[in-house]
Structures are given as structure tokens and as C-alpha cells.
Amino acid sequence: MAITENTPELTAEQARALLRYEPDTGRLFWRERARDTCHSENSWLRWNTLYSGAEAFTSIDGNGYKHGRILGTKQKAHRVIWLMQTGRFPEDQIDHINGVRADNRLENLRAVTNAENQRNKSLQRDNSSGSNGVSWSKTRNRWMAYININGRMKNLGRFKTIEEAIQARSEASKLHGYSLGHGRSPQA
């Protein structure tokens, strides 16, 4: 199969021809390329000498996701792995179930909507209360609890203690299907 730099969208067939996926570790490796995939014999020999068998998609972006270039386009590793394993890109997003964005084992990946993905979100680094959906209101001199449901913020009440606010948020999280990992400590 000839692969050119002008391919409009990466296909599962192309990804499988170029990459090898290691399911136990979630890592991708470059396969040896066929001669017809390069413009010249020198570029083909050079590419295979430098990259064949080497780990692919090793760069980490600012959000902690592995990424790299394939056929002239920048791709996230977890999306390429999903494509290779299912035959198609996800319709919406891929969630890393355990919250570790570089853990691309298929058992740790699931296709989700944005709303579902938000329900498995780690605690924001700038959170000062230590709990998602709980904050201090200076104007009311109370702890406030809130939750996002289908894109709308719902106020869960104002509380004298942080423990009461966390309890209200915890109950609402369970009621609305937030994952147990929601609000875990962010990745280092």
C-alpha cells in the first residue's frame, strides 16, 4: 500500500501499516516501512535506520497526552490507538479511566461524550477547597457546593462547614453518575 503525505485523514489500515501497538503497555512503535512509502531509496533507508522499531508518539503535550506526527498530521496517541483497535476514530472524546493521560492501554480507554468525560475529571490544580464543586463565598461567608448537570451549573446550597458542602457535593455526584475517580488528585 502506497502511503503519501497528502492523505486527507488517517485510516485504521494506514495506522496499522505504520505502527505496532503493544496492548500490555499502551505504547506505539514504528514498523519498518516498505520502499514505496518514501520518495527515494536514501530517504527510505534513512527512515528505517532511524525509526523502525523505535517507540512512536513519545512527546507529551501541555495537558499530559502523548502525541506525534503521522502522515503529516499531528495526532494524539490514544486516538490513534482507538482507531487501530476499533477501525474508526471516536465520535467525540476518549477518556483515560484511571486519569493517567499517558496510560494508553486499551482497557484504560473508553469513548465518551464531553459530559461523560467531565464526570471523570481530576481536581483542578488551582482548587483551594480540596474538593470539586466546593468553594468559599466571601460575600456570603459560607461554603458553597455546586455540580454541572448537562452543561448547566446547579447550586447545591450554602453551608457553615466545608464538610457539609463536600457531603452535599458527594451525594449529588453519586446521584448524577460521576465516576469514583472524579476529583482525584491531578497528575504530577
C-alpha atoms as a PDB file:
ATOM      1  CA  MET A   1       0.000   0.000   0.000  1.00  0.00           C
ATOM      2  CA  ALA A   2       1.464   3.354  -1.009  1.00  0.00           C
ATOM      3  CA  ILE A   3       1.173   5.998   1.691  1.00  0.00           C
ATOM      4  CA  THR A   4       1.608   9.638   0.802  1.00  0.00           C
ATOM      5  CA  GLU A   5       1.990  12.797   2.850  1.00  0.00           C
ATOM      6  CA  ASN A   6      -1.192  14.117   1.210  1.00  0.00           C
ATOM      7  CA  THR A   7      -3.549  11.571   2.761  1.00  0.00           C
ATOM      8  CA  PRO A   8      -6.552  13.638   3.942  1.00  0.00           C
ATOM      9  CA  GLU A   9      -7.434  11.560   7.025  1.00  0.00           C
ATOM     10  CA  LEU A  10      -5.556   8.751   8.676  1.00  0.00           C
ATOM     11  CA  THR A  11      -7.283   5.388   8.267  1.00  0.00           C
ATOM     12  CA  ALA A  12      -7.065   2.331  10.502  1.00  0.00           C
ATOM     13  CA  GLU A  13      -5.360   0.447   7.666  1.00  0.00           C
ATOM     14  CA  GLN A  14      -2.682   3.139   7.335  1.00  0.00           C
ATOM     15  CA  ALA A  15      -2.131   3.343  11.093  1.00  0.00           C
ATOM     16  CA  ARG A  16      -1.772  -0.441  11.368  1.00  0.00           C
ATOM     17  CA  ALA A  17       0.672  -0.478   8.435  1.00  0.00           C
ATOM     18  CA  LEU A  18       2.864   2.186  10.035  1.00  0.00           C
ATOM     19  CA  LEU A  19       2.568   1.398  13.738  1.00  0.00           C
ATOM     20  CA  ARG A  20       2.623  -1.561  16.085  1.00  0.00           C
ATOM     21  CA  TYR A  21       0.561  -1.317  19.276  1.00  0.00           C
ATOM     22  CA  GLU A  22       1.710  -3.036  22.462  1.00  0.00           C
ATOM     23  CA  PRO A  23      -1.524  -3.692  24.429  1.00  0.00           C
ATOM     24  CA  ASP A  24       0.154  -4.551  27.748  1.00  0.00           C
ATOM     25  CA  THR A  25       1.924  -1.191  27.967  1.00  0.00           C
ATOM     26  CA  GLY A  26      -0.219   1.023  25.717  1.00  0.00           C
ATOM     27  CA  ARG A  27       2.847   2.049  23.704  1.00  0.00           C
ATOM     28  CA  LEU A  28       3.167   2.519  19.935  1.00  0.00           C
ATOM     29  CA  PHE A  29       6.219   1.577  17.853  1.00  0.00           C
ATOM     30  CA  TRP A  30       7.124   2.417  14.268  1.00  0.00           C
ATOM     31  CA  ARG A  31       7.081  -0.513  11.862  1.00  0.00           C
ATOM     32  CA  GLU A  32       9.652  -0.947   9.114  1.00  0.00           C
ATOM     33  CA  ARG A  33       8.409   0.955   6.089  1.00  0.00           C
ATOM     34  CA  ALA A  34       8.047  -0.503   2.620  1.00  0.00           C
ATOM     35  CA  ARG A  35      10.116   1.077  -0.155  1.00  0.00           C
ATOM     36  CA  ASP A  36       7.041   2.587  -1.888  1.00  0.00           C
ATOM     37  CA  THR A  37       6.269   4.739   1.164  1.00  0.00           C
ATOM     38  CA  CYS A  38       9.291   7.006   0.646  1.00  0.00           C
ATOM     39  CA  HIS A  39      10.288   9.299  -2.216  1.00  0.00           C
ATOM     40  CA  SER A  40      13.798   7.917  -2.622  1.00  0.00           C
ATOM     41  CA  GLU A  41      15.842   4.909  -1.647  1.00  0.00           C
ATOM     42  CA  ASN A  42      18.051   7.091   0.552  1.00  0.00           C
ATOM     43  CA  SER A  43      15.103   8.523   2.484  1.00  0.00           C
ATOM     44  CA  TRP A  44      13.653   5.017   2.876  1.00  0.00           C
ATOM     45  CA  LEU A  45      16.940   3.596   4.195  1.00  0.00           C
ATOM     46  CA  ARG A  46      17.428   6.582   6.488  1.00  0.00           C
ATOM     47  CA  TRP A  47      13.889   6.366   7.883  1.00  0.00           C
ATOM     48  CA  ASN A  48      14.122   2.649   8.618  1.00  0.00           C
ATOM     49  CA  THR A  49      17.583   3.026  10.165  1.00  0.00           C
ATOM     50  CA  LEU A  50      16.444   5.810  12.486  1.00  0.00           C
ATOM     51  CA  TYR A  51      12.863   4.872  13.344  1.00  0.00           C
ATOM     52  CA  SER A  52      11.970   1.247  12.560  1.00  0.00           C
ATOM     53  CA  GLY A  53      11.228  -0.418  15.913  1.00  0.00           C
ATOM     54  CA  ALA A  54      11.544   2.850  17.851  1.00  0.00           C
ATOM     55  CA  GLU A  55       8.781   3.994  20.159  1.00  0.00           C
ATOM     56  CA  ALA A  56       6.395   6.430  18.465  1.00  0.00           C
ATOM     57  CA  PHE A  57       4.278   9.235  19.920  1.00  0.00           C
ATOM     58  CA  THR A  58       6.622   9.909  22.837  1.00  0.00           C
ATOM     59  CA  SER A  59       6.136  13.682  23.068  1.00  0.00           C
ATOM     60  CA  ILE A  60       3.899  14.852  25.902  1.00  0.00           C
ATOM     61  CA  ASP A  61       1.725  17.930  25.335  1.00  0.00           C
ATOM     62  CA  GLY A  62       0.887  20.569  27.935  1.00  0.00           C
ATOM     63  CA  ASN A  63      -2.124  18.548  29.072  1.00  0.00           C
ATOM     64  CA  GLY A  64      -0.158  15.344  29.638  1.00  0.00           C
ATOM     65  CA  TYR A  65      -1.216  13.462  26.486  1.00  0.00           C
ATOM     66  CA  LYS A  66       1.249  11.575  24.277  1.00  0.00           C
ATOM     67  CA  HIS A  67       1.233  12.839  20.701  1.00  0.00           C
ATOM     68  CA  GLY A  68       3.176  12.735  17.463  1.00  0.00           C
ATOM     69  CA  ARG A  69       3.026  13.211  13.714  1.00  0.00           C
ATOM     70  CA  ILE A  70       1.883  10.600  11.241  1.00  0.00           C
ATOM     71  CA  LEU A  71       1.354  11.204   7.523  1.00  0.00           C
ATOM     72  CA  GLY A  72       1.935  14.901   8.050  1.00  0.00           C
ATOM     73  CA  THR A  73      -0.730  15.384  10.721  1.00  0.00           C
ATOM     74  CA  LYS A  74      -0.394  15.781  14.471  1.00  0.00           C
ATOM     75  CA  GLN A  75      -2.340  13.106  16.336  1.00  0.00           C
ATOM     76  CA  LYS A  76      -2.840  12.128  19.956  1.00  0.00           C
ATOM     77  CA  ALA A  77      -1.640   8.598  20.702  1.00  0.00           C
ATOM     78  CA  HIS A  78      -4.844   7.497  22.441  1.00  0.00           C
ATOM     79  CA  ARG A  79      -6.950   8.481  19.427  1.00  0.00           C
ATOM     80  CA  VAL A  80      -4.642   6.603  17.014  1.00  0.00           C
ATOM     81  CA  ILE A  81      -4.769   3.540  19.270  1.00  0.00           C
ATOM     82  CA  TRP A  82      -8.569   3.733  19.331  1.00  0.00           C
ATOM     83  CA  LEU A  83      -8.563   3.951  15.528  1.00  0.00           C
ATOM     84  CA  MET A  84      -6.231   0.953  15.220  1.00  0.00           C
ATOM     85  CA  GLN A  85      -8.270  -1.182  17.620  1.00  0.00           C
ATOM     86  CA  THR A  86     -11.821  -0.245  16.579  1.00  0.00           C
ATOM     87  CA  GLY A  87     -11.377   0.748  12.937  1.00  0.00           C
ATOM     88  CA  ARG A  88     -12.587   4.314  13.429  1.00  0.00           C
ATOM     89  CA  PHE A  89     -11.835   7.497  15.310  1.00  0.00           C
ATOM     90  CA  PRO A  90     -14.175   8.138  18.251  1.00  0.00           C
ATOM     91  CA  GLU A  91     -17.199  10.301  17.522  1.00  0.00           C
ATOM     92  CA  ASP A  92     -16.436  12.553  20.478  1.00  0.00           C
ATOM     93  CA  GLN A  93     -13.735  12.060  23.122  1.00  0.00           C
ATOM     94  CA  ILE A  94     -11.576   9.333  24.646  1.00  0.00           C
ATOM     95  CA  ASP A  95     -11.465   9.157  28.434  1.00  0.00           C
ATOM     96  CA  HIS A  96      -8.496   7.746  30.337  1.00  0.00           C
ATOM     97  CA  ILE A  97     -10.431   5.865  33.017  1.00  0.00           C
ATOM     98  CA  ASN A  98      -7.682   5.951  35.649  1.00  0.00           C
ATOM     99  CA  GLY A  99      -6.923   9.624  34.944  1.00  0.00           C
ATOM    100  CA  VAL A 100      -3.352   8.945  33.793  1.00  0.00           C
ATOM    101  CA  ARG A 101      -3.270  10.605  30.380  1.00  0.00           C
ATOM    102  CA  ALA A 102      -0.147   8.772  29.199  1.00  0.00           C
ATOM    103  CA  ASP A 103      -1.626   5.333  30.077  1.00  0.00           C
ATOM    104  CA  ASN A 104      -2.888   4.238  26.666  1.00  0.00           C
ATOM    105  CA  ARG A 105      -3.695   0.607  27.386  1.00  0.00           C
ATOM    106  CA  LEU A 106      -6.992  -0.155  25.645  1.00  0.00           C
ATOM    107  CA  GLU A 107      -8.516  -1.308  28.950  1.00  0.00           C
ATOM    108  CA  ASN A 108      -7.927   2.236  30.255  1.00  0.00           C
ATOM    109  CA  LEU A 109      -9.585   3.969  27.278  1.00  0.00           C
ATOM    110  CA  ARG A 110     -13.283   4.492  26.582  1.00  0.00           C
ATOM    111  CA  ALA A 111     -15.232   6.547  24.073  1.00  0.00           C
ATOM    112  CA  VAL A 112     -17.347   9.154  25.863  1.00  0.00           C
ATOM    113  CA  THR A 113     -19.218  12.384  25.333  1.00  0.00           C
ATOM    114  CA  ASN A 114     -17.773  15.603  26.725  1.00  0.00           C
ATOM    115  CA  ALA A 115     -20.289  15.474  29.596  1.00  0.00           C
ATOM    116  CA  GLU A 116     -19.229  11.916  30.492  1.00  0.00           C
ATOM    117  CA  ASN A 117     -15.561  12.879  30.311  1.00  0.00           C
ATOM    118  CA  GLN A 118     -16.128  15.794  32.696  1.00  0.00           C
ATOM    119  CA  ARG A 119     -17.563  13.344  35.243  1.00  0.00           C
ATOM    120  CA  ASN A 120     -14.171  11.617  35.462  1.00  0.00           C
ATOM    121  CA  LYS A 121     -12.119  14.801  35.768  1.00  0.00           C
ATOM    122  CA  SER A 122      -9.329  15.186  38.319  1.00  0.00           C
ATOM    123  CA  LEU A 123      -9.258  18.020  40.795  1.00  0.00           C
ATOM    124  CA  GLN A 124      -8.154  21.280  39.174  1.00  0.00           C
ATOM    125  CA  ARG A 125      -4.663  22.327  40.230  1.00  0.00           C
ATOM    126  CA  ASP A 126      -5.887  25.741  41.405  1.00  0.00           C
ATOM    127  CA  ASN A 127      -8.684  24.299  43.572  1.00  0.00           C
ATOM    128  CA  SER A 128      -8.375  25.719  47.091  1.00  0.00           C
ATOM    129  CA  SER A 129     -11.079  23.696  48.877  1.00  0.00           C
ATOM    130  CA  GLY A 130      -9.662  20.270  48.039  1.00  0.00           C
ATOM    131  CA  SER A 131     -12.971  19.120  46.539  1.00  0.00           C
ATOM    132  CA  ASN A 132     -14.559  19.547  43.114  1.00  0.00           C
ATOM    133  CA  GLY A 133     -17.694  21.655  43.234  1.00  0.00           C
ATOM    134  CA  VAL A 134     -16.958  23.259  46.605  1.00  0.00           C
ATOM    135  CA  SER A 135     -15.771  26.825  47.094  1.00  0.00           C
ATOM    136  CA  TRP A 136     -15.752  29.570  49.696  1.00  0.00           C
ATOM    137  CA  SER A 137     -18.049  32.551  49.155  1.00  0.00           C
ATOM    138  CA  LYS A 138     -16.511  35.686  50.653  1.00  0.00           C
ATOM    139  CA  THR A 139     -19.708  37.675  50.140  1.00  0.00           C
ATOM    140  CA  ARG A 140     -21.914  35.094  51.895  1.00  0.00           C
ATOM    141  CA  ASN A 141     -19.261  33.919  54.356  1.00  0.00           C
ATOM    142  CA  ARG A 142     -20.292  30.314  53.630  1.00  0.00           C
ATOM    143  CA  TRP A 143     -19.081  27.253  51.772  1.00  0.00           C
ATOM    144  CA  MET A 144     -20.938  26.704  48.504  1.00  0.00           C
ATOM    145  CA  ALA A 145     -21.493  23.396  46.748  1.00  0.00           C
ATOM    146  CA  TYR A 146     -22.440  23.059  43.089  1.00  0.00           C
ATOM    147  CA  ILE A 147     -22.469  20.495  40.297  1.00  0.00           C
ATOM    148  CA  ASN A 148     -22.600  20.616  36.498  1.00  0.00           C
ATOM    149  CA  ILE A 149     -25.501  18.653  35.025  1.00  0.00           C
ATOM    150  CA  ASN A 150     -25.845  18.514  31.242  1.00  0.00           C
ATOM    151  CA  GLY A 151     -23.929  21.759  30.808  1.00  0.00           C
ATOM    152  CA  ARG A 152     -25.826  23.662  33.499  1.00  0.00           C
ATOM    153  CA  MET A 153     -24.429  24.609  36.885  1.00  0.00           C
ATOM    154  CA  LYS A 154     -26.732  23.568  39.730  1.00  0.00           C
ATOM    155  CA  ASN A 155     -26.332  25.225  43.135  1.00  0.00           C
ATOM    156  CA  LEU A 156     -26.476  22.606  45.905  1.00  0.00           C
ATOM    157  CA  GLY A 157     -26.598  25.107  48.752  1.00  0.00           C
ATOM    158  CA  ARG A 158     -24.570  27.169  51.190  1.00  0.00           C
ATOM    159  CA  PHE A 159     -23.040  25.570  54.247  1.00  0.00           C
ATOM    160  CA  LYS A 160     -21.389  26.630  57.510  1.00  0.00           C
ATOM    161  CA  THR A 161     -18.693  23.954  57.256  1.00  0.00           C
ATOM    162  CA  ILE A 162     -16.618  22.616  54.406  1.00  0.00           C
ATOM    163  CA  GLU A 163     -17.523  19.067  55.474  1.00  0.00           C
ATOM    164  CA  GLU A 164     -21.239  19.756  54.905  1.00  0.00           C
ATOM    165  CA  ALA A 165     -20.515  21.236  51.472  1.00  0.00           C
ATOM    166  CA  ILE A 166     -18.318  18.264  50.496  1.00  0.00           C
ATOM    167  CA  GLN A 167     -21.013  15.836  51.683  1.00  0.00           C
ATOM    168  CA  ALA A 168     -23.676  17.610  49.587  1.00  0.00           C
ATOM    169  CA  ARG A 169     -21.430  17.532  46.533  1.00  0.00           C
ATOM    170  CA  SER A 170     -20.518  13.871  47.099  1.00  0.00           C
ATOM    171  CA  GLU A 171     -24.188  12.843  47.273  1.00  0.00           C
ATOM    172  CA  ALA A 172     -25.001  14.839  44.121  1.00  0.00           C
ATOM    173  CA  SER A 173     -22.013  13.278  42.314  1.00  0.00           C
ATOM    174  CA  LYS A 174     -23.298   9.766  43.068  1.00  0.00           C
ATOM    175  CA  LEU A 175     -26.852  10.695  42.086  1.00  0.00           C
ATOM    176  CA  HIS A 176     -25.754  12.106  38.713  1.00  0.00           C
ATOM    177  CA  GLY A 177     -23.340   9.329  37.722  1.00  0.00           C
ATOM    178  CA  TYR A 178     -19.974  10.963  38.335  1.00  0.00           C
ATOM    179  CA  SER A 179     -17.153   8.402  38.428  1.00  0.00           C
ATOM    180  CA  LEU A 180     -15.417   7.433  41.656  1.00  0.00           C
ATOM    181  CA  GLY A 181     -12.243   8.969  40.188  1.00  0.00           C
ATOM    182  CA  HIS A 182     -13.864  12.391  39.783  1.00  0.00           C
ATOM    183  CA  GLY A 183     -11.977  14.888  41.919  1.00  0.00           C
ATOM    184  CA  ARG A 184      -8.891  12.719  42.457  1.00  0.00           C
ATOM    185  CA  SER A 185      -5.542  14.440  42.796  1.00  0.00           C
ATOM    186  CA  PRO A 186      -4.220  15.722  39.452  1.00  0.00           C
ATOM    187  CA  GLN A 187      -1.274  14.005  37.759  1.00  0.00           C
ATOM    188  CA  ALA A 188       2.134  15.155  38.824  1.00  0.00           C
END
